[in-house]
Amino acid sequence: MVTFNIHQLLFLLYMEHSSGILEYSDQIQLRNKQLFDPVRKLWVNYTPEEQVRQCVILWLHDVYKVPFGRMSVEKSIKIFKQTKRFDLVVFDDHLTPRLLVECKQPNHPILQKIFEQAALYNLEMKAPYLAITNGFHWLLAEIDFGAQNYQLIKQLPNYPF
């Protein structure tokens, strides 16, 4: 189980700032209560969490120049013989996972149990970066699988991370 110490909690409070991700909402294509997903190349039903996911996708594409073809959305993975779905994974040119993103609806608090959920998914994916966002706030971590620890970070490095 992952727990936060006082220094990490203070850092988390520091990270609680407007990320600007939801500013990408005006770039999402809308049609009949559906959003167009440029990764899956299909229309998906609108939910607040889906809006956040689509904003993250557009932000990663715009700011970090991540090609849509290097992102994967809501794919099934097996974790301890249970089927789970991750929200978003970014791959490098060799199709190695580099970033796992867990999205929550706006104003959903980013709690330790959500970090633990994403970390559990990442046991299978082994992405060196983990992100959790509700569109307003972020928690970013760099994972060191060899040392079996993580460090909270302020921003992602340049793609391919």
Protein backbone atom coordinates (compact mmCIF):
# COMPACT_ATOMS: atom_id res chain seq x y z
CA MET A 1 0.00 0.00 0.00
CA VAL A 2 1.26 3.46 -0.90
CA THR A 3 1.05 6.16 1.78
CA PHE A 4 1.92 9.82 1.60
CA ASN A 5 4.26 11.36 4.17
CA ILE A 6 3.90 14.97 5.36
CA HIS A 7 6.36 16.31 2.75
CA GLN A 8 4.45 14.60 -0.04
CA LEU A 9 1.14 15.92 1.29
CA LEU A 10 2.55 19.45 1.37
CA PHE A 11 3.72 18.95 -2.21
CA LEU A 12 0.29 17.64 -3.13
CA LEU A 13 -1.24 20.82 -1.74
CA TYR A 14 1.24 22.77 -3.87
CA MET A 15 0.11 20.80 -6.92
CA GLU A 16 -3.49 21.83 -6.22
CA HIS A 17 -3.52 24.62 -8.79
CA SER A 18 -5.44 25.17 -11.97
CA SER A 19 -3.92 23.01 -14.66
CA GLY A 20 -5.64 24.70 -17.59
CA ILE A 21 -6.55 21.31 -19.05
CA LEU A 22 -10.26 22.06 -19.18
CA GLU A 23 -9.49 25.04 -21.42
CA TYR A 24 -9.24 22.41 -24.16
CA SER A 25 -12.99 21.73 -23.80
CA ASP A 26 -13.74 24.22 -26.56
CA GLN A 27 -11.63 22.11 -28.97
CA ILE A 28 -13.63 18.92 -28.38
CA GLN A 29 -15.99 18.06 -31.21
CA LEU A 30 -19.56 17.65 -29.89
CA ARG A 31 -22.56 15.98 -31.53
CA ASN A 32 -25.81 14.84 -29.91
CA LYS A 33 -24.39 14.51 -26.38
CA GLN A 34 -21.32 12.74 -27.72
CA LEU A 35 -17.65 13.70 -27.90
CA PHE A 36 -15.30 12.77 -30.70
CA ASP A 37 -12.28 10.80 -29.47
CA PRO A 38 -9.34 11.37 -31.87
CA VAL A 39 -7.46 8.39 -30.39
CA ARG A 40 -10.20 5.82 -30.89
CA LYS A 41 -11.53 7.75 -33.91
CA LEU A 42 -15.13 7.41 -32.79
CA TRP A 43 -17.91 9.24 -31.05
CA VAL A 44 -18.31 8.45 -27.33
CA ASN A 45 -21.05 9.37 -24.89
CA TYR A 46 -20.51 12.53 -22.91
CA THR A 47 -19.66 12.13 -19.23
CA PRO A 48 -17.73 14.61 -17.08
CA GLU A 49 -14.86 12.10 -16.79
CA GLU A 50 -14.82 11.62 -20.57
CA GLN A 51 -14.59 15.39 -21.01
CA VAL A 52 -11.51 15.43 -18.77
CA ARG A 53 -9.97 12.50 -20.69
CA GLN A 54 -10.54 14.21 -24.04
CA CYS A 55 -9.04 17.46 -22.72
CA VAL A 56 -5.95 15.53 -21.51
CA ILE A 57 -5.62 13.89 -24.93
CA LEU A 58 -5.80 17.25 -26.72
CA TRP A 59 -3.39 18.84 -24.22
CA LEU A 60 -0.82 16.04 -24.60
CA HIS A 61 -1.12 16.33 -28.39
CA ASP A 62 -0.84 20.14 -28.36
CA VAL A 63 1.75 20.79 -25.62
CA TYR A 64 3.89 17.63 -25.75
CA LYS A 65 3.29 16.80 -29.43
CA VAL A 66 2.22 13.25 -28.58
CA PRO A 67 0.76 11.68 -31.74
CA PHE A 68 -2.78 10.36 -31.32
CA GLY A 69 -1.48 7.03 -32.62
CA ARG A 70 0.83 6.76 -29.58
CA MET A 71 -2.08 6.98 -27.13
CA SER A 72 -4.43 4.22 -26.02
CA VAL A 73 -7.77 4.79 -24.28
CA GLU A 74 -9.79 2.47 -22.02
CA LYS A 75 -8.08 -0.79 -22.85
CA SER A 76 -8.50 -3.89 -20.71
CA ILE A 77 -5.59 -5.24 -18.70
CA LYS A 78 -5.30 -8.18 -16.32
CA ILE A 79 -4.22 -7.42 -12.77
CA PHE A 80 -4.08 -10.32 -10.33
CA LYS A 81 -6.45 -12.28 -12.62
CA GLN A 82 -9.00 -9.43 -12.64
CA THR A 83 -9.85 -7.44 -15.74
CA LYS A 84 -9.44 -3.68 -15.29
CA ARG A 85 -9.50 -0.73 -17.69
CA PHE A 86 -7.00 2.08 -17.72
CA ASP A 87 -8.07 5.57 -18.80
CA LEU A 88 -5.13 6.62 -20.97
CA VAL A 89 -1.63 5.34 -21.74
CA VAL A 90 1.01 7.11 -23.82
CA PHE A 91 3.57 5.00 -25.68
CA ASP A 92 6.93 5.88 -27.22
CA ASP A 93 7.93 5.02 -30.80
CA HIS A 94 8.77 1.44 -29.72
CA LEU A 95 5.27 1.06 -28.21
CA THR A 96 6.69 0.97 -24.69
CA PRO A 97 4.31 2.52 -22.12
CA ARG A 98 5.72 5.86 -20.90
CA LEU A 99 2.78 7.51 -19.11
CA LEU A 100 -0.37 6.15 -17.48
CA VAL A 101 -3.11 8.71 -16.82
CA GLU A 102 -6.09 8.18 -14.54
CA CYS A 103 -8.87 10.72 -15.16
CA LYS A 104 -11.64 11.69 -12.77
CA GLN A 105 -14.56 14.02 -13.29
CA PRO A 106 -13.99 17.72 -12.49
CA ASN A 107 -13.91 18.54 -8.80
CA HIS A 108 -13.59 14.87 -7.83
CA PRO A 109 -10.94 14.96 -5.11
CA ILE A 110 -7.62 13.33 -5.92
CA LEU A 111 -7.37 10.95 -3.01
CA GLN A 112 -4.75 8.41 -2.00
CA LYS A 113 -7.03 5.52 -3.04
CA ILE A 114 -7.10 6.89 -6.61
CA PHE A 115 -3.30 7.07 -6.61
CA GLU A 116 -3.24 3.46 -5.37
CA GLN A 117 -5.69 2.41 -8.12
CA ALA A 118 -3.49 3.97 -10.81
CA ALA A 119 -0.34 2.51 -9.24
CA LEU A 120 -1.99 -0.93 -9.29
CA TYR A 121 -2.78 -0.56 -13.00
CA ASN A 122 0.79 0.54 -13.54
CA LEU A 123 2.14 -2.70 -12.06
CA GLU A 124 1.10 -4.25 -15.36
CA MET A 125 1.90 -1.33 -17.67
CA LYS A 126 5.23 -0.35 -16.05
CA ALA A 127 5.08 3.22 -17.33
CA PRO A 128 7.79 5.37 -15.72
CA TYR A 129 5.32 8.26 -15.30
CA LEU A 130 1.93 8.24 -13.61
CA ALA A 131 -0.61 11.08 -13.69
CA ILE A 132 -3.95 11.59 -12.01
CA THR A 133 -6.16 14.52 -12.88
CA ASN A 134 -9.68 15.81 -12.46
CA GLY A 135 -9.07 18.54 -15.03
CA PHE A 136 -8.35 21.15 -12.39
CA HIS A 137 -5.68 19.44 -10.32
CA TRP A 138 -2.82 17.03 -11.05
CA LEU A 139 -0.74 14.53 -9.22
CA LEU A 140 2.32 13.56 -11.25
CA ALA A 141 4.80 10.88 -10.23
CA GLU A 142 7.98 9.44 -11.65
CA ILE A 143 8.18 5.72 -10.88
CA ASP A 144 11.43 3.88 -10.19
CA PHE A 145 10.54 0.21 -10.51
CA GLY A 146 14.07 -0.94 -9.67
CA ALA A 147 14.11 0.89 -6.34
CA GLN A 148 10.36 0.28 -5.86
CA ASN A 149 9.58 3.91 -5.09
CA TYR A 150 8.24 7.04 -6.70
CA GLN A 151 8.84 10.75 -6.59
CA LEU A 152 6.17 13.39 -7.07
CA ILE A 153 7.13 15.80 -9.85
CA LYS A 154 5.88 19.22 -10.98
CA GLN A 155 5.72 18.51 -14.72
CA LEU A 156 6.39 15.87 -17.31
CA PRO A 157 9.63 15.88 -19.30
CA ASN A 158 9.43 16.32 -23.06
CA TYR A 159 7.85 13.52 -25.08
CA PRO A 160 8.66 10.64 -25.35
CA PHE A 161 9.10 11.21 -21.58
